[in-house]
Amino acid sequence: MSVTNDKDTDKKPDGDSETTEATSDVEQPDTDVSDAPETASGSDDRTPDDPASGTAGERNWPRRIRLAALATLVVGVLAGSGFLGWQLWQLRQLEHAADAAQQAAVEYAQVLTSIDSNEVDENFAAVLDGATGEFKDMYSKSSAELRQLLIDNKASAHGVVLESAVQSATTDKVVVLLFVDQAVQNATVPDPRIDRSRIKMTMEYVDGRWRASEVELP
């Protein structure tokens, strides 16, 4: 009887140790599970940053492109407006020059085709005052002979410009076409005779005035 009891007593501690080992084996995963969320939460905090910032940057690109395109368009419009304004200014300057030269040519043609033998010197002075260049030189050389001829024949003439037009123009040189009626009389023909002529006159802007540099009878 005593032997049987000893065997039973010896087996009980073995069972207790197995139970303890099993318990310790079960408790170990608890520590691993508690640590896992911390690692996951740490990775969650860092991961969204880069994609979010990249998406915001990509969304800003279309806006920047639109702003750049708008700036380019504004610069282009301003440059185009400046160029058109400059062209318009040039056109106005040219029109002003053409009008002024045409008016001066009309007045000078009437001076050139009107003369009185009793006022030859005054007439010649007026002609030379409105002339320049080649025409002035030519008229100066022939004026002495022409003066005596007018006095001897008691000649007189009066010119009227019927029509005029600008043939070509720059800001300092304008060619004008004129149609002139000239009433002429002298000692031989006392009754006035009408001579009609066409004059091509080149006007140049010299010393602040429009003057005739060339006169042709085409």
N, C-alpha and C. Protein backbone atom coordinates (compact mmCIF):
# COMPACT_ATOMS: atom_id res chain seq x y z
N MET A 1 0.82 -1.20 0.00
CA MET A 1 0.00 0.00 0.00
C MET A 1 0.85 1.24 0.00
N SER A 2 1.88 1.26 0.70
CA SER A 2 2.76 2.43 0.77
C SER A 2 3.47 2.67 -0.52
N VAL A 3 3.72 1.70 -1.29
CA VAL A 3 4.42 1.86 -2.58
C VAL A 3 3.55 2.56 -3.58
N THR A 4 2.29 2.19 -3.59
CA THR A 4 1.35 2.81 -4.55
C THR A 4 1.23 4.28 -4.27
N ASN A 5 1.16 4.68 -3.07
CA ASN A 5 1.02 6.10 -2.73
C ASN A 5 2.22 6.91 -3.13
N ASP A 6 3.37 6.30 -3.04
CA ASP A 6 4.59 7.04 -3.42
C ASP A 6 4.61 7.32 -4.89
N LYS A 7 4.19 6.39 -5.68
CA LYS A 7 4.18 6.61 -7.14
C LYS A 7 3.24 7.74 -7.51
N ASP A 8 2.06 7.74 -6.86
CA ASP A 8 1.09 8.79 -7.19
C ASP A 8 1.62 10.14 -6.81
N THR A 9 2.32 10.19 -5.68
CA THR A 9 2.85 11.47 -5.21
C THR A 9 3.93 11.97 -6.12
N ASP A 10 4.74 11.07 -6.66
CA ASP A 10 5.84 11.48 -7.54
C ASP A 10 5.34 12.00 -8.88
N LYS A 11 4.23 11.57 -9.37
CA LYS A 11 3.72 12.00 -10.69
C LYS A 11 3.10 13.38 -10.65
N LYS A 12 2.59 13.82 -9.54
CA LYS A 12 1.88 15.11 -9.46
C LYS A 12 2.76 16.29 -9.78
N PRO A 13 3.96 16.39 -9.33
CA PRO A 13 4.79 17.56 -9.68
C PRO A 13 5.05 17.68 -11.18
N ASP A 14 5.16 16.50 -11.85
CA ASP A 14 5.39 16.56 -13.31
C ASP A 14 4.24 17.24 -14.01
N GLY A 15 3.04 16.94 -13.59
CA GLY A 15 1.87 17.59 -14.21
C GLY A 15 1.85 19.06 -13.97
N ASP A 16 2.26 19.49 -12.80
CA ASP A 16 2.27 20.92 -12.50
C ASP A 16 3.27 21.66 -13.36
N SER A 17 4.42 21.09 -13.59
CA SER A 17 5.45 21.76 -14.40
C SER A 17 5.01 21.88 -15.83
N GLU A 18 4.33 20.83 -16.33
CA GLU A 18 3.83 20.92 -17.72
C GLU A 18 2.80 22.02 -17.85
N THR A 19 1.97 22.15 -16.82
CA THR A 19 0.95 23.20 -16.86
C THR A 19 1.57 24.57 -16.86
N THR A 20 2.63 24.72 -16.06
CA THR A 20 3.31 26.02 -15.98
C THR A 20 3.96 26.38 -17.30
N GLU A 21 4.58 25.36 -17.94
CA GLU A 21 5.24 25.61 -19.23
C GLU A 21 4.22 25.97 -20.29
N ALA A 22 3.10 25.30 -20.27
CA ALA A 22 2.05 25.62 -21.26
C ALA A 22 1.52 27.01 -21.07
N THR A 23 1.38 27.39 -19.79
CA THR A 23 0.86 28.74 -19.50
C THR A 23 1.81 29.80 -19.97
N SER A 24 3.10 29.56 -19.75
CA SER A 24 4.09 30.55 -20.19
C SER A 24 4.13 30.64 -21.69
N ASP A 25 3.92 29.48 -22.35
CA ASP A 25 3.91 29.50 -23.83
C ASP A 25 2.72 30.28 -24.35
N VAL A 26 1.62 30.26 -23.72
CA VAL A 26 0.41 30.97 -24.17
C VAL A 26 0.54 32.45 -23.92
N GLU A 27 1.16 32.88 -22.86
CA GLU A 27 1.25 34.29 -22.50
C GLU A 27 2.21 35.06 -23.39
N GLN A 28 3.17 34.42 -24.03
CA GLN A 28 4.17 35.13 -24.83
C GLN A 28 3.57 35.88 -26.02
N PRO A 29 2.65 35.31 -26.74
CA PRO A 29 2.06 36.09 -27.87
C PRO A 29 1.39 37.37 -27.45
N ASP A 30 0.92 37.47 -26.14
CA ASP A 30 0.24 38.69 -25.71
C ASP A 30 1.15 39.88 -25.86
N THR A 31 2.41 39.71 -25.54
CA THR A 31 3.36 40.82 -25.65
C THR A 31 3.56 41.23 -27.09
N ASP A 32 3.64 40.26 -28.02
CA ASP A 32 3.84 40.55 -29.44
C ASP A 32 2.64 41.28 -30.02
N VAL A 33 1.44 40.89 -29.62
CA VAL A 33 0.22 41.51 -30.15
C VAL A 33 0.11 42.95 -29.70
N SER A 34 0.47 43.22 -28.43
CA SER A 34 0.39 44.59 -27.93
C SER A 34 1.37 45.50 -28.63
N ASP A 35 2.52 44.93 -29.07
CA ASP A 35 3.51 45.77 -29.76
C ASP A 35 3.12 46.06 -31.19
N ALA A 36 2.36 45.21 -31.82
CA ALA A 36 2.04 45.36 -33.25
C ALA A 36 1.29 46.63 -33.58
N PRO A 37 0.28 47.03 -32.84
CA PRO A 37 -0.43 48.27 -33.20
C PRO A 37 0.45 49.49 -33.18
N GLU A 38 1.45 49.52 -32.27
CA GLU A 38 2.31 50.69 -32.23
C GLU A 38 3.08 50.83 -33.53
N THR A 39 3.58 49.71 -34.03
CA THR A 39 4.33 49.76 -35.29
C THR A 39 3.42 50.17 -36.43
N ALA A 40 2.21 49.63 -36.44
CA ALA A 40 1.26 49.96 -37.51
C ALA A 40 0.87 51.41 -37.45
N SER A 41 0.61 51.90 -36.21
CA SER A 41 0.20 53.30 -36.09
C SER A 41 1.32 54.22 -36.52
N GLY A 42 2.56 53.85 -36.23
CA GLY A 42 3.69 54.68 -36.65
C GLY A 42 3.79 54.75 -38.15
N SER A 43 3.59 53.62 -38.82
CA SER A 43 3.67 53.63 -40.28
C SER A 43 2.51 54.39 -40.88
N ASP A 44 1.33 54.35 -40.25
CA ASP A 44 0.17 55.10 -40.75
C ASP A 44 0.41 56.58 -40.69
N ASP A 45 1.14 57.04 -39.66
CA ASP A 45 1.38 58.48 -39.52
C ASP A 45 2.29 59.01 -40.62
N ARG A 46 3.18 58.22 -41.14
CA ARG A 46 4.18 58.71 -42.10
C ARG A 46 3.76 58.51 -43.55
N THR A 47 3.00 57.47 -43.82
CA THR A 47 2.73 57.09 -45.21
C THR A 47 1.95 58.13 -46.00
N PRO A 48 0.88 58.74 -45.51
CA PRO A 48 0.07 59.65 -46.34
C PRO A 48 0.77 60.94 -46.72
N ASP A 49 1.86 61.31 -46.05
CA ASP A 49 2.44 62.65 -46.28
C ASP A 49 2.87 62.85 -47.72
N ASP A 50 3.68 61.98 -48.25
CA ASP A 50 4.25 62.19 -49.58
C ASP A 50 3.20 62.19 -50.69
N PRO A 51 2.29 61.22 -50.75
CA PRO A 51 1.26 61.28 -51.81
C PRO A 51 0.41 62.52 -51.73
N ALA A 52 0.08 62.98 -50.53
CA ALA A 52 -0.77 64.16 -50.40
C ALA A 52 -0.08 65.39 -50.96
N SER A 53 1.19 65.56 -50.61
CA SER A 53 1.92 66.74 -51.09
C SER A 53 2.12 66.66 -52.59
N GLY A 54 2.38 65.48 -53.14
CA GLY A 54 2.54 65.33 -54.58
C GLY A 54 1.26 65.67 -55.32
N THR A 55 0.12 65.24 -54.81
CA THR A 55 -1.16 65.53 -55.47
C THR A 55 -1.45 67.02 -55.47
N ALA A 56 -1.15 67.72 -54.39
CA ALA A 56 -1.37 69.18 -54.33
C ALA A 56 -0.50 69.89 -55.35
N GLY A 57 0.76 69.45 -55.48
CA GLY A 57 1.66 70.07 -56.46
C GLY A 57 1.16 69.86 -57.88
N GLU A 58 0.65 68.65 -58.14
CA GLU A 58 0.13 68.39 -59.48
C GLU A 58 -1.10 69.23 -59.77
N ARG A 59 -1.93 69.46 -58.76
CA ARG A 59 -3.12 70.30 -58.97
C ARG A 59 -2.75 71.75 -59.26
N ASN A 60 -1.60 72.23 -58.80
CA ASN A 60 -1.18 73.63 -59.03
C ASN A 60 -0.63 73.87 -60.42
N TRP A 61 -0.19 72.81 -61.12
CA TRP A 61 0.43 73.00 -62.44
C TRP A 61 -0.51 73.63 -63.45
N PRO A 62 -1.75 73.17 -63.61
CA PRO A 62 -2.64 73.83 -64.59
C PRO A 62 -2.84 75.31 -64.31
N ARG A 63 -2.91 75.67 -63.05
CA ARG A 63 -3.08 77.08 -62.71
C ARG A 63 -1.86 77.90 -63.12
N ARG A 64 -0.67 77.34 -62.87
CA ARG A 64 0.55 78.05 -63.25
C ARG A 64 0.65 78.20 -64.76
N ILE A 65 0.25 77.15 -65.47
CA ILE A 65 0.28 77.22 -66.94
C ILE A 65 -0.68 78.29 -67.44
N ARG A 66 -1.87 78.36 -66.85
CA ARG A 66 -2.85 79.38 -67.26
C ARG A 66 -2.32 80.78 -66.99
N LEU A 67 -1.69 80.96 -65.84
CA LEU A 67 -1.14 82.29 -65.51
C LEU A 67 -0.04 82.68 -66.48
N ALA A 68 0.82 81.72 -66.82
CA ALA A 68 1.90 82.00 -67.78
C ALA A 68 1.33 82.34 -69.15
N ALA A 69 0.31 81.58 -69.57
CA ALA A 69 -0.32 81.86 -70.86
C ALA A 69 -0.98 83.23 -70.87
N LEU A 70 -1.63 83.58 -69.76
CA LEU A 70 -2.27 84.89 -69.66
C LEU A 70 -1.25 86.01 -69.72
N ALA A 71 -0.13 85.84 -69.02
CA ALA A 71 0.93 86.86 -69.05
C ALA A 71 1.48 87.03 -70.46
N THR A 72 1.69 85.90 -71.15
CA THR A 72 2.19 85.97 -72.53
C THR A 72 1.19 86.67 -73.42
N LEU A 73 -0.09 86.38 -73.23
CA LEU A 73 -1.12 87.02 -74.04
C LEU A 73 -1.16 88.52 -73.80
N VAL A 74 -1.05 88.93 -72.54
CA VAL A 74 -1.07 90.36 -72.21
C VAL A 74 0.11 91.08 -72.85
N VAL A 75 1.29 90.46 -72.76
CA VAL A 75 2.48 91.06 -73.38
C VAL A 75 2.31 91.18 -74.88
N GLY A 76 1.75 90.13 -75.50
CA GLY A 76 1.52 90.16 -76.94
C GLY A 76 0.54 91.25 -77.34
N VAL A 77 -0.53 91.39 -76.57
CA VAL A 77 -1.52 92.43 -76.88
C VAL A 77 -0.91 93.82 -76.75
N LEU A 78 -0.14 94.03 -75.69
CA LEU A 78 0.50 95.34 -75.50
C LEU A 78 1.48 95.65 -76.62
N ALA A 79 2.26 94.64 -77.01
CA ALA A 79 3.22 94.85 -78.10
C ALA A 79 2.50 95.15 -79.40
N GLY A 80 1.42 94.39 -79.67
CA GLY A 80 0.64 94.63 -80.88
C GLY A 80 0.00 96.01 -80.88
N SER A 81 -0.51 96.42 -79.74
CA SER A 81 -1.13 97.75 -79.64
C SER A 81 -0.10 98.85 -79.86
N GLY A 82 1.10 98.65 -79.29
CA GLY A 82 2.16 99.64 -79.49
C GLY A 82 2.56 99.76 -80.94
N PHE A 83 2.66 98.60 -81.62
CA PHE A 83 3.05 98.62 -83.04
C PHE A 83 1.97 99.28 -83.89
N LEU A 84 0.71 98.94 -83.62
CA LEU A 84 -0.39 99.55 -84.37
C LEU A 84 -0.47 101.05 -84.09
N GLY A 85 -0.22 101.44 -82.84
CA GLY A 85 -0.21 102.86 -82.51
C GLY A 85 0.88 103.61 -83.25
N TRP A 86 2.05 102.96 -83.34
CA TRP A 86 3.17 103.57 -84.06
C TRP A 86 2.85 103.70 -85.54
N GLN A 87 2.23 102.67 -86.13
CA GLN A 87 1.85 102.73 -87.54
C GLN A 87 0.81 103.82 -87.77
N LEU A 88 -0.15 103.92 -86.86
CA LEU A 88 -1.18 104.96 -87.00
C LEU A 88 -0.56 106.34 -86.90
N TRP A 89 0.38 106.52 -86.00
CA TRP A 89 1.06 107.81 -85.87
C TRP A 89 1.81 108.15 -87.15
N GLN A 90 2.50 107.17 -87.72
CA GLN A 90 3.23 107.40 -88.98
C GLN A 90 2.27 107.78 -90.10
N LEU A 91 1.13 107.09 -90.16
CA LEU A 91 0.15 107.38 -91.20
C LEU A 91 -0.38 108.81 -91.07
N ARG A 92 -0.64 109.22 -89.85
CA ARG A 92 -1.13 110.59 -89.63
C ARG A 92 -0.07 111.63 -90.00
N GLN A 93 1.18 111.33 -89.67
CA GLN A 93 2.26 112.24 -90.05
C GLN A 93 2.36 112.36 -91.56
N LEU A 94 2.21 111.25 -92.26
CA LEU A 94 2.29 111.25 -93.72
C LEU A 94 1.12 112.02 -94.33
N GLU A 95 -0.06 111.81 -93.79
CA GLU A 95 -1.24 112.53 -94.29
C GLU A 95 -1.09 114.03 -94.06
N HIS A 96 -0.58 114.39 -92.90
CA HIS A 96 -0.38 115.81 -92.59
C HIS A 96 0.63 116.43 -93.56
N ALA A 97 1.72 115.71 -93.82
CA ALA A 97 2.74 116.22 -94.75
C ALA A 97 2.17 116.38 -96.15
N ALA A 98 1.41 115.39 -96.61
CA ALA A 98 0.83 115.45 -97.95
C ALA A 98 -0.14 116.62 -98.08
N ASP A 99 -0.98 116.82 -97.08
CA ASP A 99 -1.94 117.93 -97.13
C ASP A 99 -1.23 119.28 -97.14
N ALA A 100 -0.24 119.42 -96.26
CA ALA A 100 0.48 120.70 -96.18
C ALA A 100 1.25 120.99 -97.47
N ALA A 101 1.88 119.96 -98.03
CA ALA A 101 2.64 120.15 -99.27
C ALA A 101 1.72 120.46 -100.45
N GLN A 102 0.57 119.81 -100.49
CA GLN A 102 -0.39 120.08 -101.57
C GLN A 102 -0.89 121.52 -101.52
N GLN A 103 -1.22 121.98 -100.32
CA GLN A 103 -1.68 123.36 -100.18
C GLN A 103 -0.60 124.35 -100.58
N ALA A 104 0.64 124.07 -100.18
CA ALA A 104 1.76 124.95 -100.54
C ALA A 104 2.00 124.94 -102.05
N ALA A 105 1.82 123.78 -102.69
CA ALA A 105 2.01 123.67 -104.14
C ALA A 105 0.95 124.47 -104.89
N VAL A 106 -0.28 124.42 -104.43
CA VAL A 106 -1.36 125.19 -105.06
C VAL A 106 -1.06 126.69 -104.99
N GLU A 107 -0.67 127.14 -103.80
CA GLU A 107 -0.36 128.57 -103.64
C GLU A 107 0.84 128.97 -104.49
N TYR A 108 1.85 128.11 -104.53
CA TYR A 108 3.05 128.45 -105.28
C TYR A 108 2.80 128.43 -106.79
N ALA A 109 1.97 127.52 -107.25
CA ALA A 109 1.66 127.46 -108.69
C ALA A 109 0.98 128.74 -109.14
N GLN A 110 0.15 129.31 -108.30
CA GLN A 110 -0.52 130.57 -108.64
C GLN A 110 0.47 131.73 -108.65
N VAL A 111 1.45 131.69 -107.74
CA VAL A 111 2.51 132.71 -107.74
C VAL A 111 3.35 132.58 -109.00
N LEU A 112 3.67 131.34 -109.36
CA LEU A 112 4.55 131.08 -110.50
C LEU A 112 3.91 131.46 -111.83
N THR A 113 2.61 131.31 -111.94
CA THR A 113 1.92 131.57 -113.22
C THR A 113 1.26 132.95 -113.27
N SER A 114 1.47 133.74 -112.24
CA SER A 114 0.92 135.10 -112.23
C SER A 114 2.06 136.11 -112.19
N ILE A 115 2.02 137.07 -113.11
CA ILE A 115 3.10 138.06 -113.19
C ILE A 115 2.57 139.35 -113.81
N ASP A 116 3.17 140.44 -113.42
CA ASP A 116 2.80 141.75 -113.95
C ASP A 116 4.09 142.47 -114.33
N SER A 117 4.14 142.94 -115.55
CA SER A 117 5.37 143.62 -116.02
C SER A 117 5.68 144.87 -115.21
N ASN A 118 4.67 145.44 -114.56
CA ASN A 118 4.89 146.61 -113.73
C ASN A 118 5.43 146.24 -112.34
N GLU A 119 5.38 144.97 -111.98
CA GLU A 119 5.86 144.51 -110.66
C GLU A 119 6.75 143.27 -110.82
N VAL A 120 7.58 143.31 -111.80
CA VAL A 120 8.42 142.15 -112.12
C VAL A 120 9.32 141.76 -110.96
N ASP A 121 9.97 142.73 -110.36
CA ASP A 121 10.92 142.42 -109.29
C ASP A 121 10.23 141.75 -108.10
N GLU A 122 9.06 142.27 -107.73
CA GLU A 122 8.30 141.67 -106.63
C GLU A 122 7.86 140.24 -106.99
N ASN A 123 7.42 140.07 -108.24
CA ASN A 123 7.00 138.73 -108.68
C ASN A 123 8.16 137.73 -108.64
N PHE A 124 9.30 138.15 -109.12
CA PHE A 124 10.47 137.26 -109.13
C PHE A 124 10.93 136.92 -107.71
N ALA A 125 10.87 137.90 -106.83
CA ALA A 125 11.27 137.66 -105.44
C ALA A 125 10.36 136.63 -104.78
N ALA A 126 9.06 136.71 -105.08
CA ALA A 126 8.11 135.75 -104.52
C ALA A 126 8.35 134.35 -105.07
N VAL A 127 8.69 134.27 -106.37
CA VAL A 127 8.97 132.96 -106.98
C VAL A 127 10.21 132.33 -106.35
N LEU A 128 11.26 133.11 -106.20
CA LEU A 128 12.50 132.58 -105.62
C LEU A 128 12.33 132.22 -104.14
N ASP A 129 11.47 132.95 -103.44
CA ASP A 129 11.25 132.68 -102.02
C ASP A 129 10.61 131.30 -101.80
N GLY A 130 9.80 130.89 -102.75
CA GLY A 130 9.13 129.59 -102.61
C GLY A 130 9.84 128.45 -103.29
N ALA A 131 11.04 128.70 -103.83
CA ALA A 131 11.79 127.67 -104.56
C ALA A 131 12.98 127.18 -103.75
N THR A 132 13.50 126.03 -104.16
CA THR A 132 14.69 125.47 -103.53
C THR A 132 15.39 124.55 -104.51
N GLY A 133 16.62 124.24 -104.21
CA GLY A 133 17.34 123.25 -105.00
C GLY A 133 17.54 123.61 -106.46
N GLU A 134 17.36 122.61 -107.32
CA GLU A 134 17.62 122.75 -108.75
C GLU A 134 16.73 123.80 -109.41
N PHE A 135 15.46 123.81 -109.04
CA PHE A 135 14.54 124.77 -109.66
C PHE A 135 14.92 126.21 -109.30
N LYS A 136 15.31 126.43 -108.08
CA LYS A 136 15.70 127.78 -107.67
C LYS A 136 16.94 128.24 -108.44
N ASP A 137 17.89 127.35 -108.60
CA ASP A 137 19.10 127.70 -109.36
C ASP A 137 18.77 128.05 -110.81
N MET A 138 17.93 127.25 -111.43
CA MET A 138 17.56 127.47 -112.83
C MET A 138 16.81 128.80 -113.01
N TYR A 139 15.86 129.06 -112.12
CA TYR A 139 15.06 130.28 -112.24
C TYR A 139 15.93 131.51 -112.00
N SER A 140 16.87 131.41 -111.06
CA SER A 140 17.76 132.55 -110.78
C SER A 140 18.60 132.90 -112.00
N LYS A 141 19.07 131.89 -112.71
CA LYS A 141 19.92 132.13 -113.89
C LYS A 141 19.14 132.74 -115.06
N SER A 142 17.88 132.38 -115.20
CA SER A 142 17.09 132.85 -116.35
C SER A 142 16.26 134.09 -116.03
N SER A 143 16.23 134.51 -114.78
CA SER A 143 15.35 135.61 -114.39
C SER A 143 15.71 136.94 -115.05
N ALA A 144 16.97 137.21 -115.24
CA ALA A 144 17.37 138.50 -115.83
C ALA A 144 16.84 138.63 -117.26
N GLU A 145 17.03 137.58 -118.05
CA GLU A 145 16.55 137.60 -119.44
C GLU A 145 15.03 137.65 -119.49
N LEU A 146 14.38 136.85 -118.65
CA LEU A 146 12.92 136.81 -118.63
C LEU A 146 12.34 138.15 -118.19
N ARG A 147 12.99 138.78 -117.26
CA ARG A 147 12.52 140.07 -116.75
C ARG A 147 12.45 141.10 -117.87
N GLN A 148 13.50 141.20 -118.65
CA GLN A 148 13.52 142.18 -119.74
C GLN A 148 12.48 141.87 -120.81
N LEU A 149 12.28 140.59 -121.08
CA LEU A 149 11.29 140.18 -122.08
C LEU A 149 9.88 140.58 -121.65
N LEU A 150 9.56 140.41 -120.41
CA LEU A 150 8.24 140.77 -119.89
C LEU A 150 8.02 142.29 -119.95
N ILE A 151 9.05 143.03 -119.60
CA ILE A 151 8.93 144.49 -119.62
C ILE A 151 8.75 144.99 -121.05
N ASP A 152 9.52 144.47 -121.96
CA ASP A 152 9.45 144.92 -123.35
C ASP A 152 8.09 144.63 -123.98
N ASN A 153 7.48 143.52 -123.64
CA ASN A 153 6.20 143.12 -124.24
C ASN A 153 4.99 143.55 -123.38
N LYS A 154 5.27 144.23 -122.28
CA LYS A 154 4.19 144.65 -121.38
C LYS A 154 3.24 143.47 -121.09
N ALA A 155 3.88 142.37 -120.74
CA ALA A 155 3.11 141.14 -120.54
C ALA A 155 2.62 141.02 -119.10
N SER A 156 1.51 140.32 -118.99
CA SER A 156 0.97 140.01 -117.67
C SER A 156 0.23 138.67 -117.76
N ALA A 157 0.14 138.04 -116.64
CA ALA A 157 -0.55 136.73 -116.59
C ALA A 157 -1.13 136.53 -115.20
N HIS A 158 -2.20 135.75 -115.18
CA HIS A 158 -2.85 135.43 -113.90
C HIS A 158 -3.26 133.96 -113.93
N GLY A 159 -2.69 133.20 -113.00
CA GLY A 159 -2.97 131.76 -112.98
C GLY A 159 -3.93 131.36 -111.86
N VAL A 160 -4.76 130.37 -112.17
CA VAL A 160 -5.71 129.81 -111.20
C VAL A 160 -5.61 128.29 -111.24
N VAL A 161 -5.43 127.68 -110.10
CA VAL A 161 -5.37 126.22 -110.02
C VAL A 161 -6.79 125.67 -109.96
N LEU A 162 -7.13 124.84 -110.94
CA LEU A 162 -8.46 124.25 -110.99
C LEU A 162 -8.55 122.97 -110.15
N GLU A 163 -7.55 122.15 -110.26
CA GLU A 163 -7.53 120.89 -109.51
C GLU A 163 -6.10 120.55 -109.12
N SER A 164 -5.99 119.75 -108.08
CA SER A 164 -4.67 119.27 -107.66
C SER A 164 -4.82 117.92 -106.98
N ALA A 165 -3.75 117.16 -107.03
CA ALA A 165 -3.76 115.84 -106.38
C ALA A 165 -2.33 115.44 -106.03
N VAL A 166 -2.21 114.68 -104.97
CA VAL A 166 -0.89 114.19 -104.55
C VAL A 166 -0.59 112.90 -105.30
N GLN A 167 0.54 112.88 -105.99
CA GLN A 167 0.95 111.67 -106.71
C GLN A 167 1.73 110.71 -105.81
N SER A 168 2.63 111.24 -105.01
CA SER A 168 3.39 110.41 -104.07
C SER A 168 3.81 111.29 -102.90
N ALA A 169 4.08 110.64 -101.78
CA ALA A 169 4.40 111.44 -100.59
C ALA A 169 5.26 110.68 -99.60
N THR A 170 6.19 111.40 -99.01
CA THR A 170 6.89 110.99 -97.79
C THR A 170 6.74 112.16 -96.82
N THR A 171 7.32 112.03 -95.65
CA THR A 171 7.15 113.11 -94.68
C THR A 171 7.95 114.36 -95.03
N ASP A 172 8.90 114.26 -95.97
CA ASP A 172 9.68 115.45 -96.34
C ASP A 172 9.75 115.71 -97.84
N LYS A 173 9.03 114.90 -98.64
CA LYS A 173 9.03 115.11 -100.08
C LYS A 173 7.71 114.64 -100.67
N VAL A 174 7.04 115.55 -101.40
CA VAL A 174 5.71 115.25 -101.94
C VAL A 174 5.65 115.71 -103.39
N VAL A 175 5.11 114.86 -104.26
CA VAL A 175 4.92 115.21 -105.66
C VAL A 175 3.45 115.51 -105.89
N VAL A 176 3.17 116.70 -106.44
CA VAL A 176 1.79 117.16 -106.62
C VAL A 176 1.53 117.43 -108.10
N LEU A 177 0.38 116.99 -108.58
CA LEU A 177 -0.07 117.29 -109.94
C LEU A 177 -1.10 118.40 -109.88
N LEU A 178 -0.97 119.40 -110.77
CA LEU A 178 -1.87 120.56 -110.75
C LEU A 178 -2.37 120.86 -112.16
N PHE A 179 -3.63 121.22 -112.26
CA PHE A 179 -4.23 121.68 -113.51
C PHE A 179 -4.49 123.18 -113.36
N VAL A 180 -3.87 123.95 -114.26
CA VAL A 180 -3.87 125.42 -114.11
C VAL A 180 -4.43 126.09 -115.35
N ASP A 181 -5.29 127.06 -115.13
CA ASP A 181 -5.73 127.98 -116.19
C ASP A 181 -4.97 129.29 -116.01
N GLN A 182 -4.36 129.77 -117.10
CA GLN A 182 -3.57 131.00 -117.03
C GLN A 182 -4.07 131.99 -118.08
N ALA A 183 -4.54 133.13 -117.60
CA ALA A 183 -4.98 134.20 -118.51
C ALA A 183 -3.78 135.07 -118.84
N VAL A 184 -3.41 135.12 -120.13
CA VAL A 184 -2.20 135.83 -120.58
C VAL A 184 -2.57 136.95 -121.55
N GLN A 185 -1.93 138.09 -121.40
CA GLN A 185 -2.10 139.20 -122.34
C GLN A 185 -0.80 139.99 -122.43
N ASN A 186 -0.60 140.66 -123.55
CA ASN A 186 0.60 141.49 -123.77
C ASN A 186 0.26 142.60 -124.76
N ALA A 187 1.27 143.35 -125.15
CA ALA A 187 1.05 144.49 -126.06
C ALA A 187 0.50 144.03 -127.39
N THR A 188 0.90 142.89 -127.87
CA THR A 188 0.43 142.38 -129.16
C THR A 188 -0.97 141.80 -129.05
N VAL A 189 -1.26 141.12 -127.96
CA VAL A 189 -2.58 140.50 -127.74
C VAL A 189 -3.16 141.12 -126.47
N PRO A 190 -3.86 142.25 -126.61
CA PRO A 190 -4.36 142.93 -125.41
C PRO A 190 -5.49 142.18 -124.70
N ASP A 191 -6.26 141.39 -125.47
CA ASP A 191 -7.34 140.62 -124.84
C ASP A 191 -6.77 139.35 -124.20
N PRO A 192 -7.16 139.07 -122.97
CA PRO A 192 -6.61 137.90 -122.27
C PRO A 192 -6.90 136.60 -123.03
N ARG A 193 -5.90 135.75 -123.07
CA ARG A 193 -6.02 134.43 -123.70
C ARG A 193 -5.82 133.37 -122.61
N ILE A 194 -6.65 132.36 -122.62
CA ILE A 194 -6.56 131.31 -121.58
C ILE A 194 -5.66 130.17 -122.06
N ASP A 195 -4.64 129.96 -121.33
CA ASP A 195 -3.76 128.81 -121.57
C ASP A 195 -3.96 127.80 -120.44
N ARG A 196 -4.24 126.57 -120.84
CA ARG A 196 -4.43 125.52 -119.84
C ARG A 196 -3.21 124.60 -119.85
N SER A 197 -2.74 124.32 -118.69
CA SER A 197 -1.54 123.49 -118.58
C SER A 197 -1.61 122.58 -117.36
N ARG A 198 -0.82 121.53 -117.46
CA ARG A 198 -0.69 120.61 -116.32
C ARG A 198 0.73 120.73 -115.79
N ILE A 199 0.85 120.89 -114.49
CA ILE A 199 2.16 121.07 -113.86
C ILE A 199 2.41 119.93 -112.87
N LYS A 200 3.60 119.38 -112.96
CA LYS A 200 4.04 118.39 -111.97
C LYS A 200 5.09 119.07 -111.09
N MET A 201 4.75 119.21 -109.82
CA MET A 201 5.61 119.98 -108.92
C MET A 201 6.08 119.10 -107.76
N THR A 202 7.39 119.10 -107.56
CA THR A 202 7.97 118.36 -106.42
C THR A 202 8.23 119.33 -105.28
N MET A 203 7.62 119.05 -104.16
CA MET A 203 7.76 119.90 -102.98
C MET A 203 8.64 119.20 -101.94
N GLU A 204 9.57 119.98 -101.37
CA GLU A 204 10.44 119.45 -100.32
C GLU A 204 10.35 120.34 -99.09
N TYR A 205 10.41 119.67 -97.93
CA TYR A 205 10.32 120.40 -96.67
C TYR A 205 11.71 120.89 -96.28
N VAL A 206 11.93 122.20 -96.43
CA VAL A 206 13.25 122.80 -96.20
C VAL A 206 13.09 124.01 -95.27
N ASP A 207 13.88 124.03 -94.20
CA ASP A 207 13.88 125.16 -93.27
C ASP A 207 12.48 125.47 -92.74
N GLY A 208 11.73 124.41 -92.42
CA GLY A 208 10.42 124.60 -91.82
C GLY A 208 9.32 124.98 -92.79
N ARG A 209 9.59 124.91 -94.11
CA ARG A 209 8.57 125.27 -95.11
C ARG A 209 8.60 124.28 -96.26
N TRP A 210 7.46 124.18 -96.94
CA TRP A 210 7.40 123.39 -98.16
C TRP A 210 7.75 124.29 -99.34
N ARG A 211 8.77 123.88 -100.09
CA ARG A 211 9.25 124.67 -101.23
C ARG A 211 9.34 123.79 -102.47
N ALA A 212 9.23 124.43 -103.64
CA ALA A 212 9.31 123.70 -104.91
C ALA A 212 10.76 123.46 -105.30
N SER A 213 11.11 122.18 -105.44
CA SER A 213 12.48 121.84 -105.86
C SER A 213 12.54 121.45 -107.34
N GLU A 214 11.38 121.18 -107.92
CA GLU A 214 11.33 120.80 -109.33
C GLU A 214 9.95 121.13 -109.89
N VAL A 215 9.92 121.74 -111.09
CA VAL A 215 8.66 122.08 -111.76
C VAL A 215 8.74 121.59 -113.20
N GLU A 216 7.77 120.76 -113.58
CA GLU A 216 7.75 120.20 -114.93
C GLU A 216 6.40 120.49 -115.58
N LEU A 217 6.43 120.57 -116.93
CA LEU A 217 5.20 120.71 -117.72
C LEU A 217 5.10 119.47 -118.60
N PRO A 218 4.57 118.36 -118.08
CA PRO A 218 4.54 117.10 -118.82
C PRO A 218 3.57 117.15 -120.02
